[in-house]
C-alpha atoms as a PDB file:
ATOM      1  CA  MET A   1     -28.659  -8.469   1.964  1.00  0.00           C
ATOM      2  CA  PHE A   2     -25.023  -7.416   2.321  1.00  0.00           C
ATOM      3  CA  THR A   3     -22.634 -10.333   1.844  1.00  0.00           C
ATOM      4  CA  GLN A   4     -19.393  -8.595   0.800  1.00  0.00           C
ATOM      5  CA  ILE A   5     -18.580  -5.752   3.191  1.00  0.00           C
ATOM      6  CA  LEU A   6     -15.530  -3.505   2.970  1.00  0.00           C
ATOM      7  CA  LEU A   7     -14.501  -2.042   6.327  1.00  0.00           C
ATOM      8  CA  ALA A   8     -11.974   0.787   6.051  1.00  0.00           C
ATOM      9  CA  THR A   9      -9.958   1.290   9.225  1.00  0.00           C
ATOM     10  CA  ASP A  10      -7.073   3.317  10.577  1.00  0.00           C
ATOM     11  CA  GLY A  11      -7.292   2.308  14.228  1.00  0.00           C
ATOM     12  CA  SER A  12      -9.190   5.443  15.309  1.00  0.00           C
ATOM     13  CA  GLU A  13     -12.174   5.480  17.683  1.00  0.00           C
ATOM     14  CA  HIS A  14     -14.538   6.159  14.775  1.00  0.00           C
ATOM     15  CA  ALA A  15     -13.064   3.175  12.934  1.00  0.00           C
ATOM     16  CA  MET A  16     -13.756   0.976  15.982  1.00  0.00           C
ATOM     17  CA  ARG A  17     -17.392   2.055  15.980  1.00  0.00           C
ATOM     18  CA  ALA A  18     -17.496   1.329  12.242  1.00  0.00           C
ATOM     19  CA  ALA A  19     -16.161  -2.177  12.982  1.00  0.00           C
ATOM     20  CA  GLU A  20     -18.978  -2.712  15.490  1.00  0.00           C
ATOM     21  CA  LYS A  21     -21.595  -1.649  12.908  1.00  0.00           C
ATOM     22  CA  ALA A  22     -20.023  -3.832  10.212  1.00  0.00           C
ATOM     23  CA  SER A  23     -20.161  -6.771  12.642  1.00  0.00           C
ATOM     24  CA  ILE A  24     -23.848  -6.220  13.335  1.00  0.00           C
ATOM     25  CA  ILE A  25     -24.617  -6.050   9.612  1.00  0.00           C
ATOM     26  CA  ALA A  26     -22.495  -9.126   8.838  1.00  0.00           C
ATOM     27  CA  ASN A  27     -24.154 -11.060  11.678  1.00  0.00           C
ATOM     28  CA  ALA A  28     -27.494 -10.714   9.883  1.00  0.00           C
ATOM     29  CA  ASN A  29     -26.222 -12.924   7.060  1.00  0.00           C
ATOM     30  CA  GLN A  30     -24.278 -16.142   7.704  1.00  0.00           C
ATOM     31  CA  GLN A  31     -22.573 -15.890   4.281  1.00  0.00           C
ATOM     32  CA  ALA A  32     -21.295 -12.370   4.933  1.00  0.00           C
ATOM     33  CA  LYS A  33     -17.595 -11.673   4.704  1.00  0.00           C
ATOM     34  CA  VAL A  34     -15.868  -8.492   5.858  1.00  0.00           C
ATOM     35  CA  THR A  35     -12.700  -7.274   4.205  1.00  0.00           C
ATOM     36  CA  ILE A  36     -10.733  -4.978   6.482  1.00  0.00           C
ATOM     37  CA  VAL A  37      -8.713  -2.500   4.452  1.00  0.00           C
ATOM     38  CA  TYR A  38      -5.906  -0.445   5.958  1.00  0.00           C
ATOM     39  CA  VAL A  39      -4.203   2.088   3.712  1.00  0.00           C
ATOM     40  CA  ILE A  40      -0.631   3.187   4.315  1.00  0.00           C
ATOM     41  CA  ASP A  41       0.069   6.580   2.802  1.00  0.00           C
ATOM     42  CA  GLY A  42       3.460   8.226   2.310  1.00  0.00           C
ATOM     43  CA  ALA A  43       3.279  10.297   5.509  1.00  0.00           C
ATOM     44  CA  THR A  44       2.352   7.269   7.638  1.00  0.00           C
ATOM     45  CA  SER A  45       5.092   5.193   6.059  1.00  0.00           C
ATOM     46  CA  LYS A  46       7.690   7.900   6.670  1.00  0.00           C
ATOM     47  CA  SER A  47       6.525   8.422  10.257  1.00  0.00           C
ATOM     48  CA  ASP A  48       6.657   4.670  10.926  1.00  0.00           C
ATOM     49  CA  VAL A  49      10.208   4.429   9.593  1.00  0.00           C
ATOM     50  CA  LEU A  50      11.388   7.422  11.630  1.00  0.00           C
ATOM     51  CA  SER A  51       9.738   6.329  14.876  1.00  0.00           C
ATOM     52  CA  GLU A  52      10.220   2.556  14.711  1.00  0.00           C
ATOM     53  CA  GLY A  53      13.402   2.004  12.698  1.00  0.00           C
ATOM     54  CA  SER A  54      13.357  -1.717  11.935  1.00  0.00           C
ATOM     55  CA  LYS A  55      11.021  -3.374   9.477  1.00  0.00           C
ATOM     56  CA  GLU A  56       9.876  -5.826  12.158  1.00  0.00           C
ATOM     57  CA  ALA A  57       8.945  -2.991  14.536  1.00  0.00           C
ATOM     58  CA  ILE A  58       7.026  -1.232  11.768  1.00  0.00           C
ATOM     59  CA  GLU A  59       5.071  -4.397  10.946  1.00  0.00           C
ATOM     60  CA  GLU A  60       4.295  -4.904  14.637  1.00  0.00           C
ATOM     61  CA  LYS A  61       3.011  -1.322  14.990  1.00  0.00           C
ATOM     62  CA  ARG A  62       0.740  -1.795  11.956  1.00  0.00           C
ATOM     63  CA  LYS A  63      -0.575  -5.094  13.337  1.00  0.00           C
ATOM     64  CA  GLN A  64      -1.395  -3.319  16.600  1.00  0.00           C
ATOM     65  CA  ARG A  65      -3.414  -0.683  14.711  1.00  0.00           C
ATOM     66  CA  LEU A  66      -5.527  -3.479  13.209  1.00  0.00           C
ATOM     67  CA  GLN A  67      -5.713  -5.652  16.337  1.00  0.00           C
ATOM     68  CA  THR A  68      -8.763  -3.993  17.928  1.00  0.00           C
ATOM     69  CA  THR A  69     -10.685  -4.134  14.653  1.00  0.00           C
ATOM     70  CA  GLU A  70      -9.865  -7.819  14.262  1.00  0.00           C
ATOM     71  CA  ASP A  71     -10.807  -8.470  17.908  1.00  0.00           C
ATOM     72  CA  ILE A  72     -14.234  -6.909  17.337  1.00  0.00           C
ATOM     73  CA  LEU A  73     -14.902  -9.101  14.302  1.00  0.00           C
ATOM     74  CA  ARG A  74     -13.583 -12.240  16.044  1.00  0.00           C
ATOM     75  CA  THR A  75     -15.781 -11.545  19.087  1.00  0.00           C
ATOM     76  CA  HIS A  76     -18.834 -11.432  16.802  1.00  0.00           C
ATOM     77  CA  LYS A  77     -17.574 -14.557  14.944  1.00  0.00           C
ATOM     78  CA  ILE A  78     -17.440 -12.726  11.610  1.00  0.00           C
ATOM     79  CA  ASN A  79     -15.627 -14.193   8.619  1.00  0.00           C
ATOM     80  CA  TYR A  80     -13.012 -11.622   7.609  1.00  0.00           C
ATOM     81  CA  GLU A  81      -9.755 -10.967   5.814  1.00  0.00           C
ATOM     82  CA  VAL A  82      -7.250  -8.114   6.043  1.00  0.00           C
ATOM     83  CA  LYS A  83      -5.824  -6.187   3.091  1.00  0.00           C
ATOM     84  CA  VAL A  84      -3.087  -3.614   3.510  1.00  0.00           C
ATOM     85  CA  LEU A  85      -2.925  -1.183   0.598  1.00  0.00           C
ATOM     86  CA  ARG A  86      -0.542   1.659  -0.205  1.00  0.00           C
ATOM     87  CA  GLY A  87      -1.467   5.117  -1.449  1.00  0.00           C
ATOM     88  CA  GLU A  88      -3.569   8.106  -0.521  1.00  0.00           C
ATOM     89  CA  PRO A  89      -6.411   6.702   1.648  1.00  0.00           C
ATOM     90  CA  GLY A  90      -9.462   8.213  -0.099  1.00  0.00           C
ATOM     91  CA  PRO A  91      -8.632   7.358  -3.720  1.00  0.00           C
ATOM     92  CA  THR A  92      -7.095   4.003  -2.747  1.00  0.00           C
ATOM     93  CA  ILE A  93     -10.212   2.893  -0.868  1.00  0.00           C
ATOM     94  CA  VAL A  94     -12.440   4.120  -3.712  1.00  0.00           C
ATOM     95  CA  LYS A  95     -10.421   2.271  -6.356  1.00  0.00           C
ATOM     96  CA  HIS A  96     -10.341  -0.938  -4.340  1.00  0.00           C
ATOM     97  CA  ALA A  97     -14.075  -0.782  -3.563  1.00  0.00           C
ATOM     98  CA  ASN A  98     -15.004  -0.069  -7.179  1.00  0.00           C
ATOM     99  CA  ASP A  99     -12.689  -2.776  -8.558  1.00  0.00           C
ATOM    100  CA  GLN A 100     -14.214  -5.464  -6.317  1.00  0.00           C
ATOM    101  CA  ALA A 101     -17.782  -6.697  -5.880  1.00  0.00           C
ATOM    102  CA  TYR A 102     -18.587  -5.146  -2.492  1.00  0.00           C
ATOM    103  CA  ASP A 103     -22.190  -4.687  -1.419  1.00  0.00           C
ATOM    104  CA  LEU A 104     -21.373  -2.110   1.254  1.00  0.00           C
ATOM    105  CA  VAL A 105     -18.493   0.067   2.441  1.00  0.00           C
ATOM    106  CA  VAL A 106     -18.377   0.925   6.154  1.00  0.00           C
ATOM    107  CA  ILE A 107     -16.056   3.726   7.287  1.00  0.00           C
ATOM    108  CA  GLY A 108     -15.648   5.941  10.340  1.00  0.00           C
ATOM    109  CA  SER A 109     -16.575   9.591   9.968  1.00  0.00           C
ATOM    110  CA  ARG A 110     -13.163  10.786  11.158  1.00  0.00           C
ATOM    111  CA  GLY A 111      -9.777   9.155  11.228  1.00  0.00           C
ATOM    112  CA  LEU A 112      -6.471   9.716  12.937  1.00  0.00           C
ATOM    113  CA  ASN A 113      -5.287  12.490  10.620  1.00  0.00           C
ATOM    114  CA  THR A 114      -7.364  15.535  11.616  1.00  0.00           C
ATOM    115  CA  PHE A 115      -5.014  17.984   9.858  1.00  0.00           C
ATOM    116  CA  GLN A 116      -5.619  16.292   6.498  1.00  0.00           C
ATOM    117  CA  GLU A 117      -9.380  16.325   7.117  1.00  0.00           C
ATOM    118  CA  MET A 118      -9.344  20.091   7.667  1.00  0.00           C
ATOM    119  CA  VAL A 119      -7.194  20.847   4.631  1.00  0.00           C
ATOM    120  CA  LEU A 120      -8.302  18.291   2.041  1.00  0.00           C
ATOM    121  CA  GLY A 121     -11.698  17.104   3.235  1.00  0.00           C
ATOM    122  CA  SER A 122     -12.308  13.850   5.021  1.00  0.00           C
ATOM    123  CA  VAL A 123     -11.543  10.445   3.608  1.00  0.00           C
ATOM    124  CA  SER A 124     -15.078   9.310   4.425  1.00  0.00           C
ATOM    125  CA  HIS A 125     -16.521  12.174   2.380  1.00  0.00           C
ATOM    126  CA  LYS A 126     -14.343  11.285  -0.627  1.00  0.00           C
ATOM    127  CA  VAL A 127     -15.302   7.626  -0.339  1.00  0.00           C
ATOM    128  CA  ALA A 128     -19.031   8.371  -0.048  1.00  0.00           C
ATOM    129  CA  LYS A 129     -18.931  10.573  -3.150  1.00  0.00           C
ATOM    130  CA  ARG A 130     -17.034   8.172  -5.403  1.00  0.00           C
ATOM    131  CA  VAL A 131     -17.739   4.575  -4.389  1.00  0.00           C
ATOM    132  CA  GLN A 132     -20.326   2.869  -6.591  1.00  0.00           C
ATOM    133  CA  CYS A 133     -22.023   0.842  -3.830  1.00  0.00           C
ATOM    134  CA  PRO A 134     -23.789   1.954  -0.634  1.00  0.00           C
ATOM    135  CA  VAL A 135     -21.554   3.605   1.985  1.00  0.00           C
ATOM    136  CA  MET A 136     -22.223   3.747   5.703  1.00  0.00           C
ATOM    137  CA  ILE A 137     -20.366   6.512   7.548  1.00  0.00           C
ATOM    138  CA  VAL A 138     -20.262   5.829  11.284  1.00  0.00           C
ATOM    139  CA  LYS A 139     -19.917   8.661  13.847  1.00  0.00           C
END
């Protein structure tokens, strides 16, 4: 049974579907806990600073990106926590997942950055190849 679930999110539609699947899996076990991980890379950080300006506005924008994911888990009454990490999404998620005792990683098949997916390969593909526990990629 999966008790420690890592849910990678970026606020995309695929990430929302991944949150729904993680909720269903976590609901099967009352001791399950979901850790939502949101990775801020250099490009996102720069874009946030240029578009928002103040630190408070940037924090608010990031909270909004996570709000729908949190709402899904709250609706299903899932025990969860949020971790915001910095770095390149694929390697950062892999390192975090491998350094912790997760039973499952749930991630959307595509994120917000379609250009990066075309050039470098998708984050979900990198995670699936390198994480040492089961990975569920949600379409």
